[in-house]
């Protein structure tokens, strides 16, 4: 669906932008509470649930719009690549964890898998 020689139209980018925004909320909901380990677990669950609601409000329409442009496998692949990028930044910036060569290599292997999903015969000819 993507021609390497042309600029992607807005319809291609809007779902990707919404998936990226939804991932910020998802990552915050899933891992943000780790900065507050002394708070009660029920509080963490309910706050995370509220944050996840915003994530769903973005991801559901993103997938609905995106399905007009991308296959379901492509949408899922985009989502997973965005998830890894957002998680890597979140873990370093918010959780103050290190990003090692091991992480970079693992993510690179996943990126190669994503490239396989998007490869179309004759794409580079």
PDB file of N, CA and C in Angstrom:
ATOM      1  N   UNK A   1       0.809  -1.198   0.000  1.00  0.00           N
ATOM      2  CA  UNK A   1       0.000   0.000   0.000  1.00  0.00           C
ATOM      3  C   UNK A   1       0.849   1.257   0.000  1.00  0.00           C
ATOM      4  N   UNK A   2       2.115   1.138   0.380  1.00  0.00           N
ATOM      5  CA  UNK A   2       2.993   2.288   0.433  1.00  0.00           C
ATOM      6  C   UNK A   2       3.950   2.219  -0.742  1.00  0.00           C
ATOM      7  N   UNK A   3       3.949   3.254  -1.567  1.00  0.00           N
ATOM      8  CA  UNK A   3       4.868   3.337  -2.679  1.00  0.00           C
ATOM      9  C   UNK A   3       6.085   4.128  -2.216  1.00  0.00           C
ATOM     10  N   UNK A   4       7.272   3.532  -2.320  1.00  0.00           N
ATOM     11  CA  UNK A   4       8.489   4.140  -1.795  1.00  0.00           C
ATOM     12  C   UNK A   4       8.816   5.461  -2.471  1.00  0.00           C
ATOM     13  N   UNK A   5       8.297   5.702  -3.666  1.00  0.00           N
ATOM     14  CA  UNK A   5       8.648   6.903  -4.404  1.00  0.00           C
ATOM     15  C   UNK A   5       7.721   8.080  -4.162  1.00  0.00           C
ATOM     16  N   UNK A   6       6.703   7.942  -3.347  1.00  0.00           N
ATOM     17  CA  UNK A   6       5.756   9.036  -3.143  1.00  0.00           C
ATOM     18  C   UNK A   6       5.674   9.399  -1.664  1.00  0.00           C
ATOM     19  N   UNK A   7       5.183  10.592  -1.426  1.00  0.00           N
ATOM     20  CA  UNK A   7       4.953  11.033  -0.046  1.00  0.00           C
ATOM     21  C   UNK A   7       3.642  10.423   0.423  1.00  0.00           C
ATOM     22  N   UNK A   8       3.650   9.927   1.658  1.00  0.00           N
ATOM     23  CA  UNK A   8       2.442   9.297   2.193  1.00  0.00           C
ATOM     24  C   UNK A   8       1.360  10.347   2.434  1.00  0.00           C
ATOM     25  N   UNK A   9       0.130  10.082   1.970  1.00  0.00           N
ATOM     26  CA  UNK A   9      -0.961  11.026   2.224  1.00  0.00           C
ATOM     27  C   UNK A   9      -1.337  11.071   3.703  1.00  0.00           C
ATOM     28  N   UNK A  10      -2.067  12.112   4.061  1.00  0.00           N
ATOM     29  CA  UNK A  10      -2.486  12.324   5.447  1.00  0.00           C
ATOM     30  C   UNK A  10      -3.229  11.117   6.009  1.00  0.00           C
ATOM     31  N   UNK A  11      -4.053  10.461   5.191  1.00  0.00           N
ATOM     32  CA  UNK A  11      -4.821   9.291   5.650  1.00  0.00           C
ATOM     33  C   UNK A  11      -3.903   8.176   6.142  1.00  0.00           C
ATOM     34  N   UNK A  12      -2.681   8.130   5.649  1.00  0.00           N
ATOM     35  CA  UNK A  12      -1.715   7.124   6.098  1.00  0.00           C
ATOM     36  C   UNK A  12      -1.093   7.515   7.438  1.00  0.00           C
ATOM     37  N   UNK A  13      -0.917   8.808   7.667  1.00  0.00           N
ATOM     38  CA  UNK A  13      -0.203   9.283   8.857  1.00  0.00           C
ATOM     39  C   UNK A  13      -1.085   9.445  10.090  1.00  0.00           C
ATOM     40  N   UNK A  14      -2.340   9.817   9.898  1.00  0.00           N
ATOM     41  CA  UNK A  14      -3.223  10.066  11.051  1.00  0.00           C
ATOM     42  C   UNK A  14      -3.333   8.830  11.957  1.00  0.00           C
ATOM     43  N   UNK A  15      -3.597   7.633  11.411  1.00  0.00           N
ATOM     44  CA  UNK A  15      -3.665   6.464  12.302  1.00  0.00           C
ATOM     45  C   UNK A  15      -2.336   6.193  13.014  1.00  0.00           C
ATOM     46  N   UNK A  16      -1.226   6.429  12.330  1.00  0.00           N
ATOM     47  CA  UNK A  16       0.088   6.209  12.952  1.00  0.00           C
ATOM     48  C   UNK A  16       0.298   7.194  14.095  1.00  0.00           C
ATOM     49  N   UNK A  17      -0.060   8.453  13.888  1.00  0.00           N
ATOM     50  CA  UNK A  17       0.063   9.459  14.952  1.00  0.00           C
ATOM     51  C   UNK A  17      -0.825   9.114  16.140  1.00  0.00           C
ATOM     52  N   UNK A  18      -2.041   8.650  15.856  1.00  0.00           N
ATOM     53  CA  UNK A  18      -2.948   8.268  16.940  1.00  0.00           C
ATOM     54  C   UNK A  18      -2.434   7.032  17.676  1.00  0.00           C
ATOM     55  N   UNK A  19      -1.854   6.086  16.945  1.00  0.00           N
ATOM     56  CA  UNK A  19      -1.275   4.908  17.602  1.00  0.00           C
ATOM     57  C   UNK A  19      -0.099   5.310  18.481  1.00  0.00           C
ATOM     58  N   UNK A  20       0.692   6.259  18.015  1.00  0.00           N
ATOM     59  CA  UNK A  20       1.825   6.735  18.823  1.00  0.00           C
ATOM     60  C   UNK A  20       1.318   7.400  20.103  1.00  0.00           C
ATOM     61  N   UNK A  21       0.314   8.260  19.969  1.00  0.00           N
ATOM     62  CA  UNK A  21      -0.241   8.926  21.159  1.00  0.00           C
ATOM     63  C   UNK A  21      -0.852   7.902  22.111  1.00  0.00           C
ATOM     64  N   UNK A  22      -1.572   6.926  21.567  1.00  0.00           N
ATOM     65  CA  UNK A  22      -2.187   5.915  22.429  1.00  0.00           C
ATOM     66  C   UNK A  22      -1.126   5.121  23.177  1.00  0.00           C
ATOM     67  N   UNK A  23       0.001   4.898  22.536  1.00  0.00           N
ATOM     68  CA  UNK A  23       1.073   4.145  23.182  1.00  0.00           C
ATOM     69  C   UNK A  23       1.703   4.881  24.352  1.00  0.00           C
ATOM     70  N   UNK A  24       1.747   6.194  24.269  1.00  0.00           N
ATOM     71  CA  UNK A  24       2.258   6.971  25.409  1.00  0.00           C
ATOM     72  C   UNK A  24       1.362   6.722  26.616  1.00  0.00           C
ATOM     73  N   UNK A  25       0.042   6.748  26.399  1.00  0.00           N
ATOM     74  CA  UNK A  25      -0.890   6.489  27.495  1.00  0.00           C
ATOM     75  C   UNK A  25      -0.796   5.039  27.972  1.00  0.00           C
ATOM     76  N   UNK A  26      -0.705   4.105  27.029  1.00  0.00           N
ATOM     77  CA  UNK A  26      -0.632   2.691  27.399  1.00  0.00           C
ATOM     78  C   UNK A  26       0.618   2.406  28.240  1.00  0.00           C
ATOM     79  N   UNK A  27       1.745   2.907  27.782  1.00  0.00           N
ATOM     80  CA  UNK A  27       2.992   2.671  28.504  1.00  0.00           C
ATOM     81  C   UNK A  27       2.936   3.304  29.887  1.00  0.00           C
ATOM     82  N   UNK A  28       2.362   4.485  29.969  1.00  0.00           N
ATOM     83  CA  UNK A  28       2.212   5.151  31.272  1.00  0.00           C
ATOM     84  C   UNK A  28       1.301   4.339  32.180  1.00  0.00           C
ATOM     85  N   UNK A  29       0.204   3.823  31.628  1.00  0.00           N
ATOM     86  CA  UNK A  29      -0.731   3.023  32.429  1.00  0.00           C
ATOM     87  C   UNK A  29      -0.070   1.736  32.923  1.00  0.00           C
ATOM     88  N   UNK A  30       0.680   1.087  32.066  1.00  0.00           N
ATOM     89  CA  UNK A  30       1.266  -0.200  32.424  1.00  0.00           C
ATOM     90  C   UNK A  30       2.495  -0.086  33.315  1.00  0.00           C
ATOM     91  N   UNK A  31       3.299   0.970  33.122  1.00  0.00           N
ATOM     92  CA  UNK A  31       4.587   1.029  33.818  1.00  0.00           C
ATOM     93  C   UNK A  31       4.777   2.263  34.695  1.00  0.00           C
ATOM     94  N   UNK A  32       3.943   3.280  34.550  1.00  0.00           N
ATOM     95  CA  UNK A  32       4.108   4.509  35.328  1.00  0.00           C
ATOM     96  C   UNK A  32       4.013   4.302  36.827  1.00  0.00           C
ATOM     97  N   UNK A  33       3.178   3.369  37.236  1.00  0.00           N
ATOM     98  CA  UNK A  33       2.999   3.118  38.679  1.00  0.00           C
ATOM     99  C   UNK A  33       4.282   2.584  39.332  1.00  0.00           C
ATOM    100  N   UNK A  34       5.226   2.117  38.541  1.00  0.00           N
ATOM    101  CA  UNK A  34       6.478   1.612  39.111  1.00  0.00           C
ATOM    102  C   UNK A  34       7.308   2.724  39.754  1.00  0.00           C
ATOM    103  N   UNK A  35       7.003   3.977  39.419  1.00  0.00           N
ATOM    104  CA  UNK A  35       7.643   5.115  40.075  1.00  0.00           C
ATOM    105  C   UNK A  35       7.039   5.350  41.462  1.00  0.00           C
ATOM    106  N   UNK A  36       5.913   4.719  41.751  1.00  0.00           N
ATOM    107  CA  UNK A  36       5.180   4.948  42.997  1.00  0.00           C
ATOM    108  C   UNK A  36       4.893   3.617  43.688  1.00  0.00           C
ATOM    109  N   UNK A  37       5.912   2.840  43.917  1.00  0.00           N
ATOM    110  CA  UNK A  37       5.740   1.493  44.473  1.00  0.00           C
ATOM    111  C   UNK A  37       5.205   1.499  45.907  1.00  0.00           C
ATOM    112  N   UNK A  38       5.284   2.639  46.568  1.00  0.00           N
ATOM    113  CA  UNK A  38       4.772   2.716  47.939  1.00  0.00           C
ATOM    114  C   UNK A  38       3.266   2.988  47.987  1.00  0.00           C
ATOM    115  N   UNK A  39       2.675   3.348  46.848  1.00  0.00           N
ATOM    116  CA  UNK A  39       1.228   3.609  46.840  1.00  0.00           C
ATOM    117  C   UNK A  39       0.471   2.288  46.841  1.00  0.00           C
ATOM    118  N   UNK A  40      -0.747   2.284  47.367  1.00  0.00           N
ATOM    119  CA  UNK A  40      -1.532   1.044  47.409  1.00  0.00           C
ATOM    120  C   UNK A  40      -1.793   0.486  46.007  1.00  0.00           C
ATOM    121  N   UNK A  41      -1.751  -0.823  45.881  1.00  0.00           N
ATOM    122  CA  UNK A  41      -1.916  -1.469  44.587  1.00  0.00           C
ATOM    123  C   UNK A  41      -3.277  -1.163  43.971  1.00  0.00           C
ATOM    124  N   UNK A  42      -4.329  -1.080  44.794  1.00  0.00           N
ATOM    125  CA  UNK A  42      -5.648  -0.747  44.242  1.00  0.00           C
ATOM    126  C   UNK A  42      -5.673   0.651  43.629  1.00  0.00           C
ATOM    127  N   UNK A  43      -4.972   1.581  44.252  1.00  0.00           N
ATOM    128  CA  UNK A  43      -4.868   2.929  43.688  1.00  0.00           C
ATOM    129  C   UNK A  43      -4.143   2.865  42.342  1.00  0.00           C
ATOM    130  N   UNK A  44      -3.055   2.116  42.285  1.00  0.00           N
ATOM    131  CA  UNK A  44      -2.313   1.961  41.035  1.00  0.00           C
ATOM    132  C   UNK A  44      -3.194   1.353  39.942  1.00  0.00           C
ATOM    133  N   UNK A  45      -3.992   0.377  40.312  1.00  0.00           N
ATOM    134  CA  UNK A  45      -4.880  -0.277  39.337  1.00  0.00           C
ATOM    135  C   UNK A  45      -5.903   0.718  38.800  1.00  0.00           C
ATOM    136  N   UNK A  46      -6.557   1.464  39.684  1.00  0.00           N
ATOM    137  CA  UNK A  46      -7.601   2.379  39.233  1.00  0.00           C
ATOM    138  C   UNK A  46      -7.035   3.558  38.440  1.00  0.00           C
ATOM    139  N   UNK A  47      -5.893   4.087  38.857  1.00  0.00           N
ATOM    140  CA  UNK A  47      -5.265   5.169  38.086  1.00  0.00           C
ATOM    141  C   UNK A  47      -4.835   4.645  36.716  1.00  0.00           C
ATOM    142  N   UNK A  48      -4.237   3.469  36.696  1.00  0.00           N
ATOM    143  CA  UNK A  48      -3.819   2.871  35.424  1.00  0.00           C
ATOM    144  C   UNK A  48      -5.027   2.616  34.522  1.00  0.00           C
ATOM    145  N   UNK A  49      -6.102   2.177  35.092  1.00  0.00           N
ATOM    146  CA  UNK A  49      -7.324   1.918  34.341  1.00  0.00           C
ATOM    147  C   UNK A  49      -7.846   3.212  33.702  1.00  0.00           C
ATOM    148  N   UNK A  50      -7.812   4.291  34.458  1.00  0.00           N
ATOM    149  CA  UNK A  50      -8.242   5.585  33.921  1.00  0.00           C
ATOM    150  C   UNK A  50      -7.361   6.055  32.779  1.00  0.00           C
ATOM    151  N   UNK A  51      -6.058   5.868  32.931  1.00  0.00           N
ATOM    152  CA  UNK A  51      -5.130   6.243  31.862  1.00  0.00           C
ATOM    153  C   UNK A  51      -5.357   5.364  30.637  1.00  0.00           C
ATOM    154  N   UNK A  52      -5.582   4.074  30.864  1.00  0.00           N
ATOM    155  CA  UNK A  52      -5.818   3.140  29.761  1.00  0.00           C
ATOM    156  C   UNK A  52      -7.098   3.483  28.996  1.00  0.00           C
ATOM    157  N   UNK A  53      -8.073   4.082  29.671  1.00  0.00           N
ATOM    158  CA  UNK A  53      -9.293   4.493  28.986  1.00  0.00           C
ATOM    159  C   UNK A  53      -8.972   5.491  27.879  1.00  0.00           C
ATOM    160  N   UNK A  54      -8.076   6.446  28.176  1.00  0.00           N
ATOM    161  CA  UNK A  54      -7.670   7.428  27.167  1.00  0.00           C
ATOM    162  C   UNK A  54      -6.964   6.710  26.016  1.00  0.00           C
ATOM    163  N   UNK A  55      -6.144   5.722  26.355  1.00  0.00           N
ATOM    164  CA  UNK A  55      -5.448   4.941  25.330  1.00  0.00           C
ATOM    165  C   UNK A  55      -6.452   4.280  24.395  1.00  0.00           C
ATOM    166  N   UNK A  56      -7.491   3.677  24.942  1.00  0.00           N
ATOM    167  CA  UNK A  56      -8.516   3.020  24.124  1.00  0.00           C
ATOM    168  C   UNK A  56      -9.262   4.024  23.258  1.00  0.00           C
ATOM    169  N   UNK A  57      -9.489   5.228  23.781  1.00  0.00           N
ATOM    170  CA  UNK A  57     -10.183   6.263  23.011  1.00  0.00           C
ATOM    171  C   UNK A  57      -9.367   6.701  21.797  1.00  0.00           C
ATOM    172  N   UNK A  58      -8.078   6.459  21.816  1.00  0.00           N
ATOM    173  CA  UNK A  58      -7.218   6.765  20.671  1.00  0.00           C
ATOM    174  C   UNK A  58      -6.984   5.554  19.781  1.00  0.00           C
ATOM    175  N   UNK A  59      -6.741   4.388  20.391  1.00  0.00           N
ATOM    176  CA  UNK A  59      -6.346   3.225  19.604  1.00  0.00           C
ATOM    177  C   UNK A  59      -7.501   2.637  18.797  1.00  0.00           C
ATOM    178  N   UNK A  60      -8.713   2.663  19.336  1.00  0.00           N
ATOM    179  CA  UNK A  60      -9.847   2.086  18.606  1.00  0.00           C
ATOM    180  C   UNK A  60     -10.117   2.870  17.314  1.00  0.00           C
ATOM    181  N   UNK A  61     -10.252   4.200  17.365  1.00  0.00           N
ATOM    182  CA  UNK A  61     -10.457   4.914  16.098  1.00  0.00           C
ATOM    183  C   UNK A  61      -9.224   4.862  15.179  1.00  0.00           C
ATOM    184  N   UNK A  62      -8.037   4.804  15.764  1.00  0.00           N
ATOM    185  CA  UNK A  62      -6.823   4.692  14.933  1.00  0.00           C
ATOM    186  C   UNK A  62      -6.856   3.409  14.121  1.00  0.00           C
ATOM    187  N   UNK A  63      -7.230   2.314  14.761  1.00  0.00           N
ATOM    188  CA  UNK A  63      -7.319   1.045  14.040  1.00  0.00           C
ATOM    189  C   UNK A  63      -8.467   1.053  13.037  1.00  0.00           C
ATOM    190  N   UNK A  64      -9.574   1.676  13.386  1.00  0.00           N
ATOM    191  CA  UNK A  64     -10.710   1.754  12.472  1.00  0.00           C
ATOM    192  C   UNK A  64     -10.318   2.542  11.221  1.00  0.00           C
ATOM    193  N   UNK A  65      -9.702   3.727  11.414  1.00  0.00           N
ATOM    194  CA  UNK A  65      -9.267   4.533  10.271  1.00  0.00           C
ATOM    195  C   UNK A  65      -8.132   3.849   9.517  1.00  0.00           C
ATOM    196  N   UNK A  66      -7.214   3.293  10.275  1.00  0.00           N
ATOM    197  CA  UNK A  66      -6.046   2.662   9.669  1.00  0.00           C
ATOM    198  C   UNK A  66      -6.386   1.460   8.818  1.00  0.00           C
ATOM    199  N   UNK A  67      -7.489   0.779   9.146  1.00  0.00           N
ATOM    200  CA  UNK A  67      -7.860  -0.411   8.384  1.00  0.00           C
ATOM    201  C   UNK A  67      -8.288  -0.070   6.957  1.00  0.00           C
ATOM    202  N   UNK A  68      -8.558   1.204   6.690  1.00  0.00           N
ATOM    203  CA  UNK A  68      -8.877   1.634   5.327  1.00  0.00           C
ATOM    204  C   UNK A  68      -7.612   1.755   4.482  1.00  0.00           C
ATOM    205  N   UNK A  69      -6.463   1.833   5.146  1.00  0.00           N
ATOM    206  CA  UNK A  69      -5.195   2.054   4.448  1.00  0.00           C
ATOM    207  C   UNK A  69      -4.255   0.865   4.593  1.00  0.00           C
ATOM    208  N   UNK A  70      -4.273   0.241   5.757  1.00  0.00           N
ATOM    209  CA  UNK A  70      -3.337  -0.840   6.069  1.00  0.00           C
ATOM    210  C   UNK A  70      -4.083  -2.145   6.325  1.00  0.00           C
ATOM    211  N   UNK A  71      -3.397  -3.257   6.108  1.00  0.00           N
ATOM    212  CA  UNK A  71      -3.962  -4.550   6.497  1.00  0.00           C
ATOM    213  C   UNK A  71      -3.886  -4.656   8.019  1.00  0.00           C
ATOM    214  N   UNK A  72      -4.620  -5.592   8.564  1.00  0.00           N
ATOM    215  CA  UNK A  72      -4.586  -5.796  10.016  1.00  0.00           C
ATOM    216  C   UNK A  72      -3.184  -6.163  10.486  1.00  0.00           C
ATOM    217  N   UNK A  73      -2.494  -6.994   9.728  1.00  0.00           N
ATOM    218  CA  UNK A  73      -1.117  -7.373  10.090  1.00  0.00           C
ATOM    219  C   UNK A  73      -0.202  -6.154  10.066  1.00  0.00           C
ATOM    220  N   UNK A  74      -0.398  -5.264   9.099  1.00  0.00           N
ATOM    221  CA  UNK A  74       0.420  -4.049   9.043  1.00  0.00           C
ATOM    222  C   UNK A  74       0.116  -3.135  10.225  1.00  0.00           C
ATOM    223  N   UNK A  75      -1.170  -2.978  10.561  1.00  0.00           N
ATOM    224  CA  UNK A  75      -1.541  -2.155  11.722  1.00  0.00           C
ATOM    225  C   UNK A  75      -0.907  -2.689  13.003  1.00  0.00           C
ATOM    226  N   UNK A  76      -0.976  -3.999  13.198  1.00  0.00           N
ATOM    227  CA  UNK A  76      -0.401  -4.598  14.396  1.00  0.00           C
ATOM    228  C   UNK A  76       1.112  -4.407  14.424  1.00  0.00           C
ATOM    229  N   UNK A  77       1.746  -4.521  13.273  1.00  0.00           N
ATOM    230  CA  UNK A  77       3.191  -4.332  13.194  1.00  0.00           C
ATOM    231  C   UNK A  77       3.563  -2.891  13.527  1.00  0.00           C
ATOM    232  N   UNK A  78       2.817  -1.945  12.968  1.00  0.00           N
ATOM    233  CA  UNK A  78       3.054  -0.532  13.295  1.00  0.00           C
ATOM    234  C   UNK A  78       2.913  -0.321  14.794  1.00  0.00           C
ATOM    235  N   UNK A  79       1.860  -0.881  15.372  1.00  0.00           N
ATOM    236  CA  UNK A  79       1.602  -0.750  16.807  1.00  0.00           C
ATOM    237  C   UNK A  79       2.768  -1.294  17.626  1.00  0.00           C
ATOM    238  N   UNK A  80       3.274  -2.448  17.263  1.00  0.00           N
ATOM    239  CA  UNK A  80       4.357  -3.067  18.033  1.00  0.00           C
ATOM    240  C   UNK A  80       5.660  -2.289  17.921  1.00  0.00           C
ATOM    241  N   UNK A  81       5.955  -1.778  16.737  1.00  0.00           N
ATOM    242  CA  UNK A  81       7.177  -0.979  16.570  1.00  0.00           C
ATOM    243  C   UNK A  81       7.071   0.301  17.393  1.00  0.00           C
ATOM    244  N   UNK A  82       5.918   0.961  17.323  1.00  0.00           N
ATOM    245  CA  UNK A  82       5.708   2.163  18.130  1.00  0.00           C
ATOM    246  C   UNK A  82       5.824   1.823  19.614  1.00  0.00           C
ATOM    247  N   UNK A  83       5.243   0.709  20.027  1.00  0.00           N
ATOM    248  CA  UNK A  83       5.309   0.290  21.432  1.00  0.00           C
ATOM    249  C   UNK A  83       6.752   0.156  21.899  1.00  0.00           C
ATOM    250  N   UNK A  84       7.584  -0.458  21.094  1.00  0.00           N
ATOM    251  CA  UNK A  84       8.984  -0.629  21.474  1.00  0.00           C
ATOM    252  C   UNK A  84       9.707   0.707  21.596  1.00  0.00           C
ATOM    253  N   UNK A  85       9.464   1.605  20.662  1.00  0.00           N
ATOM    254  CA  UNK A  85      10.119   2.915  20.699  1.00  0.00           C
ATOM    255  C   UNK A  85       9.660   3.702  21.922  1.00  0.00           C
ATOM    256  N   UNK A  86       8.341   3.758  22.119  1.00  0.00           N
ATOM    257  CA  UNK A  86       7.805   4.498  23.271  1.00  0.00           C
ATOM    258  C   UNK A  86       8.306   3.879  24.576  1.00  0.00           C
ATOM    259  N   UNK A  87       8.291   2.553  24.668  1.00  0.00           N
ATOM    260  CA  UNK A  87       8.759   1.892  25.881  1.00  0.00           C
ATOM    261  C   UNK A  87      10.231   2.177  26.139  1.00  0.00           C
ATOM    262  N   UNK A  88      11.053   2.126  25.101  1.00  0.00           N
ATOM    263  CA  UNK A  88      12.486   2.382  25.273  1.00  0.00           C
ATOM    264  C   UNK A  88      12.720   3.790  25.818  1.00  0.00           C
ATOM    265  N   UNK A  89      12.040   4.769  25.232  1.00  0.00           N
ATOM    266  CA  UNK A  89      12.190   6.147  25.708  1.00  0.00           C
ATOM    267  C   UNK A  89      11.657   6.281  27.135  1.00  0.00           C
ATOM    268  N   UNK A  90      10.490   5.719  27.405  1.00  0.00           N
ATOM    269  CA  UNK A  90       9.871   5.793  28.738  1.00  0.00           C
ATOM    270  C   UNK A  90      10.775   5.167  29.798  1.00  0.00           C
ATOM    271  N   UNK A  91      11.324   4.002  29.493  1.00  0.00           N
ATOM    272  CA  UNK A  91      12.140   3.309  30.499  1.00  0.00           C
ATOM    273  C   UNK A  91      13.411   4.085  30.818  1.00  0.00           C
ATOM    274  N   UNK A  92      13.955   4.780  29.832  1.00  0.00           N
ATOM    275  CA  UNK A  92      15.172   5.564  30.074  1.00  0.00           C
ATOM    276  C   UNK A  92      14.840   6.889  30.749  1.00  0.00           C
ATOM    277  N   UNK A  93      13.852   7.608  30.208  1.00  0.00           N
ATOM    278  CA  UNK A  93      13.548   8.956  30.696  1.00  0.00           C
ATOM    279  C   UNK A  93      12.793   8.939  32.021  1.00  0.00           C
ATOM    280  N   UNK A  94      11.760   8.105  32.133  1.00  0.00           N
ATOM    281  CA  UNK A  94      10.907   8.125  33.326  1.00  0.00           C
ATOM    282  C   UNK A  94      11.420   7.165  34.399  1.00  0.00           C
ATOM    283  N   UNK A  95      11.730   5.946  34.011  1.00  0.00           N
ATOM    284  CA  UNK A  95      12.140   4.938  35.002  1.00  0.00           C
ATOM    285  C   UNK A  95      13.642   4.942  35.280  1.00  0.00           C
ATOM    286  N   UNK A  96      14.377   5.739  34.496  1.00  0.00           N
ATOM    287  CA  UNK A  96      15.833   5.890  34.681  1.00  0.00           C
ATOM    288  C   UNK A  96      16.582   4.569  34.541  1.00  0.00           C
ATOM    289  N   UNK A  97      16.110   3.712  33.646  1.00  0.00           N
ATOM    290  CA  UNK A  97      16.789   2.449  33.376  1.00  0.00           C
ATOM    291  C   UNK A  97      17.729   2.640  32.192  1.00  0.00           C
ATOM    292  N   UNK A  98      18.735   1.794  32.099  1.00  0.00           N
ATOM    293  CA  UNK A  98      19.681   1.926  30.996  1.00  0.00           C
ATOM    294  C   UNK A  98      19.164   1.187  29.765  1.00  0.00           C
ATOM    295  N   UNK A  99      19.581   1.677  28.608  1.00  0.00           N
ATOM    296  CA  UNK A  99      19.265   1.035  27.332  1.00  0.00           C
ATOM    297  C   UNK A  99      20.586   0.481  26.819  1.00  0.00           C
ATOM    298  N   UNK A 100      20.695  -0.834  26.784  1.00  0.00           N
ATOM    299  CA  UNK A 100      21.971  -1.475  26.483  1.00  0.00           C
ATOM    300  C   UNK A 100      22.043  -1.942  25.033  1.00  0.00           C
ATOM    301  N   UNK A 101      23.210  -2.381  24.652  1.00  0.00           N
ATOM    302  CA  UNK A 101      23.415  -2.939  23.321  1.00  0.00           C
ATOM    303  C   UNK A 101      22.509  -4.153  23.113  1.00  0.00           C
ATOM    304  N   UNK A 102      22.335  -4.941  24.176  1.00  0.00           N
ATOM    305  CA  UNK A 102      21.444  -6.106  24.109  1.00  0.00           C
ATOM    306  C   UNK A 102      20.025  -5.680  23.730  1.00  0.00           C
ATOM    307  N   UNK A 103      19.537  -4.604  24.329  1.00  0.00           N
ATOM    308  CA  UNK A 103      18.205  -4.097  23.999  1.00  0.00           C
ATOM    309  C   UNK A 103      18.163  -3.621  22.545  1.00  0.00           C
ATOM    310  N   UNK A 104      19.176  -2.876  22.141  1.00  0.00           N
ATOM    311  CA  UNK A 104      19.224  -2.355  20.771  1.00  0.00           C
ATOM    312  C   UNK A 104      19.225  -3.482  19.746  1.00  0.00           C
ATOM    313  N   UNK A 105      19.998  -4.525  19.998  1.00  0.00           N
ATOM    314  CA  UNK A 105      20.045  -5.658  19.070  1.00  0.00           C
ATOM    315  C   UNK A 105      18.706  -6.389  19.017  1.00  0.00           C
ATOM    316  N   UNK A 106      18.097  -6.602  20.162  1.00  0.00           N
ATOM    317  CA  UNK A 106      16.788  -7.254  20.191  1.00  0.00           C
ATOM    318  C   UNK A 106      15.744  -6.452  19.445  1.00  0.00           C
ATOM    319  N   UNK A 107      15.725  -5.137  19.639  1.00  0.00           N
ATOM    320  CA  UNK A 107      14.767  -4.283  18.948  1.00  0.00           C
ATOM    321  C   UNK A 107      15.062  -4.259  17.450  1.00  0.00           C
ATOM    322  N   UNK A 108      16.343  -4.301  17.085  1.00  0.00           N
ATOM    323  CA  UNK A 108      16.707  -4.325  15.658  1.00  0.00           C
ATOM    324  C   UNK A 108      16.188  -5.590  14.985  1.00  0.00           C
ATOM    325  N   UNK A 109      16.264  -6.704  15.672  1.00  0.00           N
ATOM    326  CA  UNK A 109      15.746  -7.955  15.111  1.00  0.00           C
ATOM    327  C   UNK A 109      14.235  -7.854  14.911  1.00  0.00           C
ATOM    328  N   UNK A 110      13.549  -7.249  15.862  1.00  0.00           N
ATOM    329  CA  UNK A 110      12.105  -7.051  15.726  1.00  0.00           C
ATOM    330  C   UNK A 110      11.816  -6.104  14.560  1.00  0.00           C
ATOM    331  N   UNK A 111      12.642  -5.065  14.395  1.00  0.00           N
ATOM    332  CA  UNK A 111      12.460  -4.130  13.276  1.00  0.00           C
ATOM    333  C   UNK A 111      12.630  -4.839  11.935  1.00  0.00           C
ATOM    334  N   UNK A 112      13.546  -5.796  11.873  1.00  0.00           N
ATOM    335  CA  UNK A 112      13.717  -6.578  10.641  1.00  0.00           C
ATOM    336  C   UNK A 112      12.430  -7.367  10.358  1.00  0.00           C
ATOM    337  N   UNK A 113      11.846  -7.935  11.394  1.00  0.00           N
ATOM    338  CA  UNK A 113      10.574  -8.633  11.228  1.00  0.00           C
ATOM    339  C   UNK A 113       9.490  -7.696  10.722  1.00  0.00           C
ATOM    340  N   UNK A 114       9.467  -6.478  11.228  1.00  0.00           N
ATOM    341  CA  UNK A 114       8.480  -5.491  10.766  1.00  0.00           C
ATOM    342  C   UNK A 114       8.706  -5.164   9.294  1.00  0.00           C
ATOM    343  N   UNK A 115       9.962  -5.052   8.899  1.00  0.00           N
ATOM    344  CA  UNK A 115      10.270  -4.763   7.496  1.00  0.00           C
ATOM    345  C   UNK A 115       9.762  -5.883   6.593  1.00  0.00           C
ATOM    346  N   UNK A 116       9.850  -7.115   7.061  1.00  0.00           N
ATOM    347  CA  UNK A 116       9.355  -8.250   6.275  1.00  0.00           C
ATOM    348  C   UNK A 116       7.846  -8.116   6.049  1.00  0.00           C
ATOM    349  N   UNK A 117       7.110  -7.683   7.063  1.00  0.00           N
ATOM    350  CA  UNK A 117       5.657  -7.514   6.938  1.00  0.00           C
ATOM    351  C   UNK A 117       5.318  -6.498   5.842  1.00  0.00           C
ATOM    352  N   UNK A 118       6.104  -5.426   5.750  1.00  0.00           N
ATOM    353  CA  UNK A 118       5.804  -4.353   4.807  1.00  0.00           C
ATOM    354  C   UNK A 118       6.441  -4.535   3.434  1.00  0.00           C
ATOM    355  N   UNK A 119       7.318  -5.502   3.286  1.00  0.00           N
ATOM    356  CA  UNK A 119       7.986  -5.719   2.005  1.00  0.00           C
ATOM    357  C   UNK A 119       6.985  -6.180   0.952  1.00  0.00           C
ATOM    358  N   UNK A 120       7.050  -5.549  -0.199  1.00  0.00           N
ATOM    359  CA  UNK A 120       6.222  -5.939  -1.337  1.00  0.00           C
ATOM    360  C   UNK A 120       7.171  -6.284  -2.492  1.00  0.00           C
ATOM    361  N   UNK A 121       6.963  -7.418  -3.163  1.00  0.00           N
ATOM    362  CA  UNK A 121       7.811  -7.752  -4.314  1.00  0.00           C
ATOM    363  C   UNK A 121       7.825  -6.595  -5.325  1.00  0.00           C
ATOM    364  N   UNK A 122       9.002  -6.268  -5.813  1.00  0.00           N
ATOM    365  CA  UNK A 122       9.158  -5.171  -6.769  1.00  0.00           C
ATOM    366  C   UNK A 122       9.190  -3.800  -6.125  1.00  0.00           C
ATOM    367  N   UNK A 123       9.196  -3.760  -4.804  1.00  0.00           N
ATOM    368  CA  UNK A 123       9.145  -2.498  -4.072  1.00  0.00           C
ATOM    369  C   UNK A 123      10.339  -1.602  -4.387  1.00  0.00           C
ATOM    370  N   UNK A 124      11.490  -2.192  -4.621  1.00  0.00           N
ATOM    371  CA  UNK A 124      12.703  -1.406  -4.826  1.00  0.00           C
ATOM    372  C   UNK A 124      13.184  -1.419  -6.268  1.00  0.00           C
ATOM    373  N   UNK A 125      12.333  -1.848  -7.174  1.00  0.00           N
ATOM    374  CA  UNK A 125      12.780  -1.893  -8.579  1.00  0.00           C
ATOM    375  C   UNK A 125      12.214  -0.738  -9.374  1.00  0.00           C
TER     376      UNK A 125
END
